[in-house]
C-alpha atoms as a PDB file:
ATOM      1  CA  UNK A   1     132.055 -44.904 -24.208  1.00  0.00           C
ATOM      2  CA  UNK A   2     130.062 -45.348 -21.003  1.00  0.00           C
ATOM      3  CA  UNK A   3     128.217 -43.209 -18.496  1.00  0.00           C
ATOM      4  CA  UNK A   4     127.226 -43.799 -14.902  1.00  0.00           C
ATOM      5  CA  UNK A   5     123.581 -44.422 -14.011  1.00  0.00           C
ATOM      6  CA  UNK A   6     123.437 -41.431 -11.672  1.00  0.00           C
ATOM      7  CA  UNK A   7     123.868 -39.044 -14.607  1.00  0.00           C
ATOM      8  CA  UNK A   8     120.558 -38.311 -16.313  1.00  0.00           C
ATOM      9  CA  UNK A   9     120.236 -39.198 -19.990  1.00  0.00           C
ATOM     10  CA  UNK A  10     117.677 -36.630 -21.037  1.00  0.00           C
ATOM     11  CA  UNK A  11     117.634 -37.497 -24.720  1.00  0.00           C
ATOM     12  CA  UNK A  12     116.072 -40.868 -24.032  1.00  0.00           C
ATOM     13  CA  UNK A  13     113.533 -39.698 -21.452  1.00  0.00           C
ATOM     14  CA  UNK A  14     112.071 -36.473 -22.801  1.00  0.00           C
ATOM     15  CA  UNK A  15     109.955 -35.712 -25.845  1.00  0.00           C
ATOM     16  CA  UNK A  16     110.027 -32.311 -27.574  1.00  0.00           C
ATOM     17  CA  UNK A  17     107.568 -29.927 -25.981  1.00  0.00           C
ATOM     18  CA  UNK A  18     107.937 -26.172 -26.221  1.00  0.00           C
ATOM     19  CA  UNK A  19     107.515 -24.291 -22.959  1.00  0.00           C
ATOM     20  CA  UNK A  20     105.836 -20.906 -22.606  1.00  0.00           C
ATOM     21  CA  UNK A  21     109.137 -19.124 -21.936  1.00  0.00           C
ATOM     22  CA  UNK A  22     110.819 -20.619 -25.012  1.00  0.00           C
ATOM     23  CA  UNK A  23     110.967 -19.919 -28.713  1.00  0.00           C
ATOM     24  CA  UNK A  24     112.044 -22.110 -31.632  1.00  0.00           C
ATOM     25  CA  UNK A  25     114.831 -20.778 -33.851  1.00  0.00           C
ATOM     26  CA  UNK A  26     115.874 -21.948 -37.322  1.00  0.00           C
ATOM     27  CA  UNK A  27     119.539 -22.983 -37.461  1.00  0.00           C
ATOM     28  CA  UNK A  28     119.786 -22.512 -41.246  1.00  0.00           C
ATOM     29  CA  UNK A  29     121.275 -26.013 -41.539  1.00  0.00           C
ATOM     30  CA  UNK A  30     119.447 -29.135 -42.719  1.00  0.00           C
ATOM     31  CA  UNK A  31     116.175 -27.608 -41.588  1.00  0.00           C
ATOM     32  CA  UNK A  32     117.286 -28.015 -37.956  1.00  0.00           C
ATOM     33  CA  UNK A  33     115.635 -25.974 -35.212  1.00  0.00           C
ATOM     34  CA  UNK A  34     116.526 -25.289 -31.598  1.00  0.00           C
ATOM     35  CA  UNK A  35     114.686 -24.352 -28.427  1.00  0.00           C
ATOM     36  CA  UNK A  36     115.922 -21.189 -26.736  1.00  0.00           C
ATOM     37  CA  UNK A  37     114.706 -18.993 -23.916  1.00  0.00           C
ATOM     38  CA  UNK A  38     112.737 -15.909 -24.951  1.00  0.00           C
ATOM     39  CA  UNK A  39     114.506 -14.071 -22.142  1.00  0.00           C
ATOM     40  CA  UNK A  40     117.738 -15.514 -20.835  1.00  0.00           C
ATOM     41  CA  UNK A  41     120.774 -17.385 -22.088  1.00  0.00           C
ATOM     42  CA  UNK A  42     120.934 -17.989 -25.858  1.00  0.00           C
ATOM     43  CA  UNK A  43     123.832 -19.240 -27.955  1.00  0.00           C
ATOM     44  CA  UNK A  44     126.063 -16.619 -29.518  1.00  0.00           C
ATOM     45  CA  UNK A  45     128.347 -16.135 -32.500  1.00  0.00           C
ATOM     46  CA  UNK A  46     131.251 -17.737 -30.631  1.00  0.00           C
ATOM     47  CA  UNK A  47     129.483 -21.114 -30.605  1.00  0.00           C
ATOM     48  CA  UNK A  48     128.620 -20.870 -34.297  1.00  0.00           C
ATOM     49  CA  UNK A  49     132.201 -19.928 -35.216  1.00  0.00           C
ATOM     50  CA  UNK A  50     133.521 -22.844 -33.183  1.00  0.00           C
ATOM     51  CA  UNK A  51     131.237 -25.211 -35.102  1.00  0.00           C
ATOM     52  CA  UNK A  52     132.740 -23.890 -38.336  1.00  0.00           C
ATOM     53  CA  UNK A  53     136.333 -24.179 -37.080  1.00  0.00           C
ATOM     54  CA  UNK A  54     136.001 -27.696 -35.661  1.00  0.00           C
ATOM     55  CA  UNK A  55     135.820 -30.852 -37.753  1.00  0.00           C
ATOM     56  CA  UNK A  56     134.621 -34.339 -36.868  1.00  0.00           C
ATOM     57  CA  UNK A  57     135.689 -36.948 -39.411  1.00  0.00           C
ATOM     58  CA  UNK A  58     133.670 -39.903 -40.643  1.00  0.00           C
ATOM     59  CA  UNK A  59     133.310 -42.503 -37.891  1.00  0.00           C
ATOM     60  CA  UNK A  60     134.562 -40.224 -35.106  1.00  0.00           C
ATOM     61  CA  UNK A  61     132.857 -39.485 -31.798  1.00  0.00           C
ATOM     62  CA  UNK A  62     132.784 -36.005 -30.251  1.00  0.00           C
ATOM     63  CA  UNK A  63     131.795 -34.503 -26.914  1.00  0.00           C
ATOM     64  CA  UNK A  64     130.954 -30.872 -26.162  1.00  0.00           C
ATOM     65  CA  UNK A  65     131.786 -29.786 -22.616  1.00  0.00           C
ATOM     66  CA  UNK A  66     129.273 -27.367 -21.096  1.00  0.00           C
ATOM     67  CA  UNK A  67     126.968 -27.680 -24.087  1.00  0.00           C
ATOM     68  CA  UNK A  68     124.295 -25.235 -22.888  1.00  0.00           C
ATOM     69  CA  UNK A  69     121.517 -25.205 -25.498  1.00  0.00           C
ATOM     70  CA  UNK A  70     123.187 -28.066 -27.383  1.00  0.00           C
ATOM     71  CA  UNK A  71     123.990 -25.774 -30.306  1.00  0.00           C
ATOM     72  CA  UNK A  72     127.483 -27.158 -30.981  1.00  0.00           C
ATOM     73  CA  UNK A  73     126.517 -30.868 -31.215  1.00  0.00           C
ATOM     74  CA  UNK A  74     123.558 -29.926 -33.416  1.00  0.00           C
ATOM     75  CA  UNK A  75     125.668 -27.846 -35.805  1.00  0.00           C
ATOM     76  CA  UNK A  76     128.537 -30.347 -35.900  1.00  0.00           C
ATOM     77  CA  UNK A  77     126.092 -33.145 -36.744  1.00  0.00           C
ATOM     78  CA  UNK A  78     124.746 -30.979 -39.569  1.00  0.00           C
ATOM     79  CA  UNK A  79     128.148 -29.884 -40.912  1.00  0.00           C
ATOM     80  CA  UNK A  80     130.386 -32.932 -40.470  1.00  0.00           C
ATOM     81  CA  UNK A  81     130.396 -36.694 -41.050  1.00  0.00           C
ATOM     82  CA  UNK A  82     130.972 -37.613 -37.412  1.00  0.00           C
ATOM     83  CA  UNK A  83     129.407 -40.822 -36.129  1.00  0.00           C
ATOM     84  CA  UNK A  84     128.137 -39.727 -32.719  1.00  0.00           C
ATOM     85  CA  UNK A  85     127.923 -36.533 -30.656  1.00  0.00           C
ATOM     86  CA  UNK A  86     127.478 -35.962 -26.926  1.00  0.00           C
ATOM     87  CA  UNK A  87     126.669 -32.768 -25.050  1.00  0.00           C
ATOM     88  CA  UNK A  88     127.516 -32.539 -21.333  1.00  0.00           C
ATOM     89  CA  UNK A  89     125.692 -29.859 -19.337  1.00  0.00           C
ATOM     90  CA  UNK A  90     125.560 -29.330 -15.567  1.00  0.00           C
ATOM     91  CA  UNK A  91     122.340 -27.265 -15.413  1.00  0.00           C
ATOM     92  CA  UNK A  92     119.274 -29.487 -15.350  1.00  0.00           C
ATOM     93  CA  UNK A  93     116.920 -27.112 -17.165  1.00  0.00           C
ATOM     94  CA  UNK A  94     119.486 -26.391 -19.897  1.00  0.00           C
ATOM     95  CA  UNK A  95     120.200 -30.102 -20.357  1.00  0.00           C
ATOM     96  CA  UNK A  96     116.468 -30.744 -20.642  1.00  0.00           C
ATOM     97  CA  UNK A  97     116.034 -27.996 -23.244  1.00  0.00           C
ATOM     98  CA  UNK A  98     119.037 -29.224 -25.263  1.00  0.00           C
ATOM     99  CA  UNK A  99     117.671 -32.774 -25.250  1.00  0.00           C
ATOM    100  CA  UNK A 100     114.282 -31.573 -26.446  1.00  0.00           C
ATOM    101  CA  UNK A 101     116.043 -29.814 -29.338  1.00  0.00           C
ATOM    102  CA  UNK A 102     117.704 -33.119 -30.230  1.00  0.00           C
ATOM    103  CA  UNK A 103     114.307 -34.824 -30.247  1.00  0.00           C
ATOM    104  CA  UNK A 104     112.754 -31.939 -32.175  1.00  0.00           C
ATOM    105  CA  UNK A 105     115.152 -32.720 -35.019  1.00  0.00           C
ATOM    106  CA  UNK A 106     114.786 -36.525 -34.706  1.00  0.00           C
ATOM    107  CA  UNK A 107     118.494 -36.929 -33.949  1.00  0.00           C
ATOM    108  CA  UNK A 108     118.288 -39.243 -30.943  1.00  0.00           C
ATOM    109  CA  UNK A 109     120.367 -41.876 -32.760  1.00  0.00           C
ATOM    110  CA  UNK A 110     123.191 -39.364 -33.417  1.00  0.00           C
ATOM    111  CA  UNK A 111     123.222 -36.990 -30.422  1.00  0.00           C
ATOM    112  CA  UNK A 112     122.919 -37.637 -26.691  1.00  0.00           C
ATOM    113  CA  UNK A 113     122.613 -35.007 -23.963  1.00  0.00           C
ATOM    114  CA  UNK A 114     123.939 -35.901 -20.518  1.00  0.00           C
ATOM    115  CA  UNK A 115     123.436 -33.837 -17.373  1.00  0.00           C
ATOM    116  CA  UNK A 116     126.647 -33.820 -15.398  1.00  0.00           C
ATOM    117  CA  UNK A 117     129.597 -31.784 -14.167  1.00  0.00           C
ATOM    118  CA  UNK A 118     132.335 -31.318 -16.777  1.00  0.00           C
ATOM    119  CA  UNK A 119     134.883 -31.449 -13.952  1.00  0.00           C
ATOM    120  CA  UNK A 120     133.974 -35.153 -13.745  1.00  0.00           C
ATOM    121  CA  UNK A 121     133.701 -35.781 -17.498  1.00  0.00           C
ATOM    122  CA  UNK A 122     136.501 -38.348 -17.608  1.00  0.00           C
ATOM    123  CA  UNK A 123     134.820 -40.303 -14.811  1.00  0.00           C
ATOM    124  CA  UNK A 124     131.398 -40.104 -16.488  1.00  0.00           C
ATOM    125  CA  UNK A 125     132.577 -41.245 -19.924  1.00  0.00           C
ATOM    126  CA  UNK A 126     135.907 -42.908 -19.247  1.00  0.00           C
ATOM    127  CA  UNK A 127     139.390 -41.837 -20.278  1.00  0.00           C
ATOM    128  CA  UNK A 128     140.399 -41.805 -23.958  1.00  0.00           C
ATOM    129  CA  UNK A 129     136.728 -42.139 -25.021  1.00  0.00           C
ATOM    130  CA  UNK A 130     136.537 -39.510 -27.775  1.00  0.00           C
ATOM    131  CA  UNK A 131     138.246 -38.441 -30.980  1.00  0.00           C
ATOM    132  CA  UNK A 132     137.127 -34.811 -30.650  1.00  0.00           C
ATOM    133  CA  UNK A 133     136.350 -32.529 -27.706  1.00  0.00           C
ATOM    134  CA  UNK A 134     134.824 -29.071 -28.143  1.00  0.00           C
ATOM    135  CA  UNK A 135     134.328 -26.323 -25.573  1.00  0.00           C
ATOM    136  CA  UNK A 136     133.030 -22.777 -25.433  1.00  0.00           C
ATOM    137  CA  UNK A 137     134.059 -22.237 -21.804  1.00  0.00           C
ATOM    138  CA  UNK A 138     133.403 -19.290 -19.485  1.00  0.00           C
ATOM    139  CA  UNK A 139     135.751 -16.464 -20.462  1.00  0.00           C
ATOM    140  CA  UNK A 140     135.870 -14.423 -17.262  1.00  0.00           C
ATOM    141  CA  UNK A 141     137.719 -15.539 -14.144  1.00  0.00           C
ATOM    142  CA  UNK A 142     135.521 -15.683 -11.061  1.00  0.00           C
ATOM    143  CA  UNK A 143     136.945 -12.577  -9.382  1.00  0.00           C
ATOM    144  CA  UNK A 144     136.640 -10.298 -12.424  1.00  0.00           C
ATOM    145  CA  UNK A 145     133.734  -8.370 -13.888  1.00  0.00           C
ATOM    146  CA  UNK A 146     130.122  -8.007 -12.843  1.00  0.00           C
ATOM    147  CA  UNK A 147     128.251 -11.276 -12.647  1.00  0.00           C
ATOM    148  CA  UNK A 148     125.030 -11.363 -14.627  1.00  0.00           C
ATOM    149  CA  UNK A 149     121.993 -11.655 -12.322  1.00  0.00           C
ATOM    150  CA  UNK A 150     120.647 -14.300 -14.718  1.00  0.00           C
ATOM    151  CA  UNK A 151     122.245 -17.482 -13.338  1.00  0.00           C
ATOM    152  CA  UNK A 152     122.542 -19.429 -16.649  1.00  0.00           C
ATOM    153  CA  UNK A 153     124.185 -16.401 -18.287  1.00  0.00           C
ATOM    154  CA  UNK A 154     126.509 -15.896 -15.341  1.00  0.00           C
ATOM    155  CA  UNK A 155     127.555 -19.568 -15.382  1.00  0.00           C
ATOM    156  CA  UNK A 156     128.237 -19.410 -19.128  1.00  0.00           C
ATOM    157  CA  UNK A 157     130.358 -16.252 -18.877  1.00  0.00           C
ATOM    158  CA  UNK A 158     132.117 -16.480 -15.497  1.00  0.00           C
ATOM    159  CA  UNK A 159     134.244 -19.273 -14.039  1.00  0.00           C
ATOM    160  CA  UNK A 160     131.694 -20.005 -11.320  1.00  0.00           C
ATOM    161  CA  UNK A 161     131.267 -23.781 -11.679  1.00  0.00           C
ATOM    162  CA  UNK A 162     134.524 -24.563 -13.485  1.00  0.00           C
ATOM    163  CA  UNK A 163     137.856 -22.988 -14.425  1.00  0.00           C
ATOM    164  CA  UNK A 164     139.727 -23.008 -17.716  1.00  0.00           C
ATOM    165  CA  UNK A 165     142.137 -25.524 -16.203  1.00  0.00           C
ATOM    166  CA  UNK A 166     139.212 -27.854 -15.358  1.00  0.00           C
ATOM    167  CA  UNK A 167     138.136 -27.774 -19.008  1.00  0.00           C
ATOM    168  CA  UNK A 168     141.641 -28.400 -20.368  1.00  0.00           C
ATOM    169  CA  UNK A 169     142.325 -31.210 -17.884  1.00  0.00           C
ATOM    170  CA  UNK A 170     139.139 -33.086 -18.757  1.00  0.00           C
ATOM    171  CA  UNK A 171     139.646 -32.557 -22.497  1.00  0.00           C
ATOM    172  CA  UNK A 172     143.111 -34.095 -22.184  1.00  0.00           C
ATOM    173  CA  UNK A 173     141.755 -37.079 -20.284  1.00  0.00           C
ATOM    174  CA  UNK A 174     138.798 -37.647 -22.630  1.00  0.00           C
ATOM    175  CA  UNK A 175     140.819 -37.588 -25.850  1.00  0.00           C
ATOM    176  CA  UNK A 176     142.532 -40.542 -27.439  1.00  0.00           C
ATOM    177  CA  UNK A 177     146.143 -39.958 -28.474  1.00  0.00           C
ATOM    178  CA  UNK A 178     146.038 -37.858 -31.632  1.00  0.00           C
ATOM    179  CA  UNK A 179     142.533 -36.623 -30.790  1.00  0.00           C
ATOM    180  CA  UNK A 180     141.624 -32.980 -31.335  1.00  0.00           C
ATOM    181  CA  UNK A 181     140.428 -30.312 -28.917  1.00  0.00           C
ATOM    182  CA  UNK A 182     138.653 -27.279 -30.393  1.00  0.00           C
ATOM    183  CA  UNK A 183     137.830 -24.232 -28.300  1.00  0.00           C
ATOM    184  CA  UNK A 184     136.889 -20.575 -28.519  1.00  0.00           C
ATOM    185  CA  UNK A 185     138.119 -18.090 -25.925  1.00  0.00           C
ATOM    186  CA  UNK A 186     139.322 -14.517 -25.424  1.00  0.00           C
ATOM    187  CA  UNK A 187     142.702 -13.398 -26.880  1.00  0.00           C
ATOM    188  CA  UNK A 188     143.681 -11.621 -23.664  1.00  0.00           C
ATOM    189  CA  UNK A 189     144.030 -15.025 -21.981  1.00  0.00           C
ATOM    190  CA  UNK A 190     145.958 -16.642 -24.840  1.00  0.00           C
ATOM    191  CA  UNK A 191     149.264 -17.023 -22.964  1.00  0.00           C
ATOM    192  CA  UNK A 192     147.489 -18.736 -20.045  1.00  0.00           C
ATOM    193  CA  UNK A 193     145.434 -20.896 -22.431  1.00  0.00           C
ATOM    194  CA  UNK A 194     148.503 -22.221 -24.249  1.00  0.00           C
ATOM    195  CA  UNK A 195     150.440 -22.775 -21.018  1.00  0.00           C
ATOM    196  CA  UNK A 196     147.647 -24.889 -19.515  1.00  0.00           C
ATOM    197  CA  UNK A 197     147.003 -26.798 -22.760  1.00  0.00           C
ATOM    198  CA  UNK A 198     150.630 -27.908 -22.790  1.00  0.00           C
ATOM    199  CA  UNK A 199     150.412 -28.994 -19.145  1.00  0.00           C
ATOM    200  CA  UNK A 200     147.809 -31.567 -20.187  1.00  0.00           C
ATOM    201  CA  UNK A 201     149.689 -32.760 -23.298  1.00  0.00           C
ATOM    202  CA  UNK A 202     147.416 -30.781 -25.624  1.00  0.00           C
ATOM    203  CA  UNK A 203     149.655 -29.209 -28.251  1.00  0.00           C
ATOM    204  CA  UNK A 204     148.242 -26.088 -29.996  1.00  0.00           C
ATOM    205  CA  UNK A 205     148.244 -26.705 -33.759  1.00  0.00           C
ATOM    206  CA  UNK A 206     145.953 -24.016 -35.247  1.00  0.00           C
ATOM    207  CA  UNK A 207     145.049 -20.526 -34.030  1.00  0.00           C
ATOM    208  CA  UNK A 208     142.629 -18.153 -35.729  1.00  0.00           C
ATOM    209  CA  UNK A 209     141.899 -14.661 -34.433  1.00  0.00           C
ATOM    210  CA  UNK A 210     138.413 -13.204 -34.868  1.00  0.00           C
ATOM    211  CA  UNK A 211     138.061  -9.426 -35.367  1.00  0.00           C
ATOM    212  CA  UNK A 212     134.746  -7.511 -35.404  1.00  0.00           C
ATOM    213  CA  UNK A 213     136.136  -5.227 -38.163  1.00  0.00           C
ATOM    214  CA  UNK A 214     139.353  -5.290 -40.156  1.00  0.00           C
ATOM    215  CA  UNK A 215     140.728  -2.282 -38.210  1.00  0.00           C
ATOM    216  CA  UNK A 216     139.677  -3.482 -34.743  1.00  0.00           C
ATOM    217  CA  UNK A 217     141.592  -5.739 -32.370  1.00  0.00           C
ATOM    218  CA  UNK A 218     140.579  -9.374 -32.024  1.00  0.00           C
ATOM    219  CA  UNK A 219     137.868 -10.181 -29.477  1.00  0.00           C
ATOM    220  CA  UNK A 220     137.807 -13.984 -29.941  1.00  0.00           C
ATOM    221  CA  UNK A 221     140.354 -16.690 -30.688  1.00  0.00           C
ATOM    222  CA  UNK A 222     139.710 -20.153 -32.107  1.00  0.00           C
ATOM    223  CA  UNK A 223     142.222 -22.852 -31.159  1.00  0.00           C
ATOM    224  CA  UNK A 224     142.803 -26.459 -32.192  1.00  0.00           C
ATOM    225  CA  UNK A 225     145.063 -28.579 -29.995  1.00  0.00           C
ATOM    226  CA  UNK A 226     146.098 -32.203 -30.537  1.00  0.00           C
ATOM    227  CA  UNK A 227     146.604 -34.765 -27.744  1.00  0.00           C
ATOM    228  CA  UNK A 228     150.277 -35.696 -27.910  1.00  0.00           C
ATOM    229  CA  UNK A 229     150.860 -33.600 -31.026  1.00  0.00           C
ATOM    230  CA  UNK A 230     154.194 -32.225 -32.241  1.00  0.00           C
ATOM    231  CA  UNK A 231     155.399 -28.648 -31.763  1.00  0.00           C
ATOM    232  CA  UNK A 232     154.275 -27.069 -35.032  1.00  0.00           C
ATOM    233  CA  UNK A 233     151.744 -24.217 -34.799  1.00  0.00           C
ATOM    234  CA  UNK A 234     149.852 -22.669 -37.710  1.00  0.00           C
ATOM    235  CA  UNK A 235     148.455 -19.155 -37.292  1.00  0.00           C
ATOM    236  CA  UNK A 236     145.639 -18.912 -39.821  1.00  0.00           C
ATOM    237  CA  UNK A 237     144.429 -15.737 -41.575  1.00  0.00           C
ATOM    238  CA  UNK A 238     142.110 -13.751 -39.307  1.00  0.00           C
ATOM    239  CA  UNK A 239     138.349 -13.949 -39.560  1.00  0.00           C
ATOM    240  CA  UNK A 240     136.646 -10.567 -39.980  1.00  0.00           C
ATOM    241  CA  UNK A 241     133.018 -10.529 -38.818  1.00  0.00           C
ATOM    242  CA  UNK A 242     131.696  -7.346 -40.476  1.00  0.00           C
ATOM    243  CA  UNK A 243     132.893  -5.798 -43.737  1.00  0.00           C
ATOM    244  CA  UNK A 244     130.819  -2.726 -42.855  1.00  0.00           C
ATOM    245  CA  UNK A 245     128.309  -1.944 -40.092  1.00  0.00           C
ATOM    246  CA  UNK A 246     125.423  -4.397 -40.264  1.00  0.00           C
ATOM    247  CA  UNK A 247     126.908  -6.394 -43.167  1.00  0.00           C
ATOM    248  CA  UNK A 248     128.563  -9.742 -42.461  1.00  0.00           C
ATOM    249  CA  UNK A 249     131.730 -10.773 -44.290  1.00  0.00           C
ATOM    250  CA  UNK A 250     131.563 -13.616 -46.819  1.00  0.00           C
ATOM    251  CA  UNK A 251     133.286 -15.998 -44.374  1.00  0.00           C
ATOM    252  CA  UNK A 252     130.728 -15.302 -41.641  1.00  0.00           C
ATOM    253  CA  UNK A 253     127.898 -15.746 -44.139  1.00  0.00           C
ATOM    254  CA  UNK A 254     129.345 -19.113 -45.109  1.00  0.00           C
ATOM    255  CA  UNK A 255     129.699 -20.254 -41.496  1.00  0.00           C
ATOM    256  CA  UNK A 256     126.112 -19.304 -40.709  1.00  0.00           C
ATOM    257  CA  UNK A 257     124.837 -20.962 -43.893  1.00  0.00           C
ATOM    258  CA  UNK A 258     122.994 -17.904 -45.214  1.00  0.00           C
END
């Protein structure tokens, strides 16, 4: 794995210092903590569920595209036996905050945060550089919905700086043959998601729908695709978030580590 000099390696340069507009949250895993904005973009349940759905095996290397706060590399390092984790984030202030969270937990030897455009990920790192790619991409196409006036939130939710096809293309290029791509997205775009995955030789292997309540329709979908995999798809039992208002299901409790 390699990266070009023009891309900033924040993990090496910055030391953990909390800013006035930030708070420190407990991740409920290994005593890890994370910097987040008091007002502004914070990680959500979708990122936590993705970290529970994905798996990085012993000795494997993983990259998270559009890592934001760095929550997915942090949780995957805590939950799996992966060797090395990278987070790629285009926004300079978010990359800086993610890197300070890495340093806060003394994980500089296991996690690296790189500022860069995910549309150029295969150029930054090189093709076939990773065993695992994860992504919690923007769900809303650029033309749809009201854009959040908070720029980091808008970038995380709307396809402003990248499209779903950009994410799938770079995941396909970054993965070694047999490597795994894990993502979380919206069920309403499932047909498009699968179509584009297949275009880039990423074969869907596992799908898990996420429902807020047992009698409500799914509002998230977790997908595992394999680079060059065979055509056999497993639809897993659905994940129910709440068993009653305000009370998480046992599976959600397990994922969060409560």
